[in-house]
Amino acid sequence: MLKKIGIILLLISLAFLIGSGLYHLMLVIINDPGLPLLIRFALGGLIIALLIILIALIKERWEDKKNEKFDHRKY
């Protein structure tokens, strides 16, 4: 029970840290006048693509975990 609570708190904390870091990175990319427009779009697209892939992988794993059926017999 305590192990699950610790893992949940760790994952929530990591999600907040990563989300905050990405938010501030996007602010820097948008507000930097010396950064070429092409680089801004490329970095923004890269971040968005990585987020989409991460969300898809988490969703896929979540669905696979729900559909797993184990036979708990001892051999």
Protein backbone atom coordinates (compact mmCIF):
# COMPACT_ATOMS: atom_id res chain seq x y z
CA MET A 1 0.00 0.00 0.00
CA LEU A 2 2.73 2.47 0.95
CA LYS A 3 4.71 1.48 -2.12
CA LYS A 4 1.77 2.38 -4.39
CA ILE A 5 1.27 5.72 -2.63
CA GLY A 6 4.98 6.52 -3.02
CA ILE A 7 4.95 5.65 -6.72
CA ILE A 8 1.83 7.73 -7.30
CA LEU A 9 3.35 10.75 -5.52
CA LEU A 10 6.57 10.32 -7.49
CA LEU A 11 4.73 10.17 -10.82
CA ILE A 12 2.58 13.19 -9.99
CA SER A 13 5.64 15.19 -8.95
CA LEU A 14 7.50 14.22 -12.11
CA ALA A 15 4.51 15.15 -14.25
CA PHE A 16 4.37 18.61 -12.64
CA LEU A 17 8.11 19.15 -13.06
CA ILE A 18 8.15 18.04 -16.68
CA GLY A 19 5.02 20.03 -17.48
CA SER A 20 6.43 23.15 -15.86
CA GLY A 21 9.73 22.73 -17.68
CA LEU A 22 8.01 22.32 -21.05
CA TYR A 23 5.81 25.34 -20.34
CA HIS A 24 8.81 27.54 -19.57
CA LEU A 25 10.71 26.18 -22.55
CA MET A 26 7.82 27.10 -24.84
CA LEU A 27 7.72 30.60 -23.31
CA VAL A 28 11.44 31.05 -24.01
CA ILE A 29 11.04 29.76 -27.57
CA ILE A 30 8.10 32.07 -28.27
CA ASN A 31 9.59 35.18 -26.63
CA ASP A 32 13.18 34.97 -27.94
CA PRO A 33 13.45 37.59 -30.72
CA GLY A 34 16.84 36.31 -31.93
CA LEU A 35 15.61 32.79 -32.65
CA PRO A 36 14.72 32.21 -36.32
CA LEU A 37 11.10 31.44 -37.08
CA LEU A 38 11.95 28.07 -38.63
CA ILE A 39 13.75 26.96 -35.46
CA ARG A 40 10.78 28.10 -33.34
CA PHE A 41 8.37 26.01 -35.39
CA ALA A 42 10.72 23.02 -35.43
CA LEU A 43 11.24 23.03 -31.65
CA GLY A 44 7.55 23.57 -30.99
CA GLY A 45 6.63 20.73 -33.33
CA LEU A 46 9.21 18.45 -31.75
CA ILE A 47 7.86 19.08 -28.26
CA ILE A 48 4.26 18.58 -29.37
CA ALA A 49 5.16 15.36 -31.24
CA LEU A 50 6.99 13.96 -28.20
CA LEU A 51 4.01 14.74 -25.97
CA ILE A 52 1.62 13.03 -28.39
CA ILE A 53 3.84 9.93 -28.56
CA LEU A 54 4.17 9.84 -24.78
CA ILE A 55 0.41 10.12 -24.28
CA ALA A 56 -0.23 7.40 -26.88
CA LEU A 57 2.25 5.04 -25.20
CA ILE A 58 0.77 5.65 -21.75
CA LYS A 59 -2.75 5.08 -23.09
CA GLU A 60 -1.68 1.87 -24.88
CA ARG A 61 0.02 0.53 -21.78
CA TRP A 62 -2.99 1.41 -19.64
CA GLU A 63 -5.34 -0.48 -22.00
CA ASP A 64 -2.99 -3.48 -22.18
CA LYS A 65 -2.79 -3.61 -18.41
CA LYS A 66 -6.59 -3.65 -18.12
CA ASN A 67 -6.86 -6.52 -20.59
CA GLU A 68 -4.16 -8.72 -19.08
CA LYS A 69 -5.43 -11.97 -17.68
CA PHE A 70 -3.12 -13.97 -15.50
CA ASP A 71 -3.48 -17.55 -14.45
CA HIS A 72 -2.26 -17.55 -10.86
CA ARG A 73 -1.99 -21.31 -10.51
CA LYS A 74 1.28 -22.68 -9.26
CA TYR A 75 2.92 -25.35 -11.36
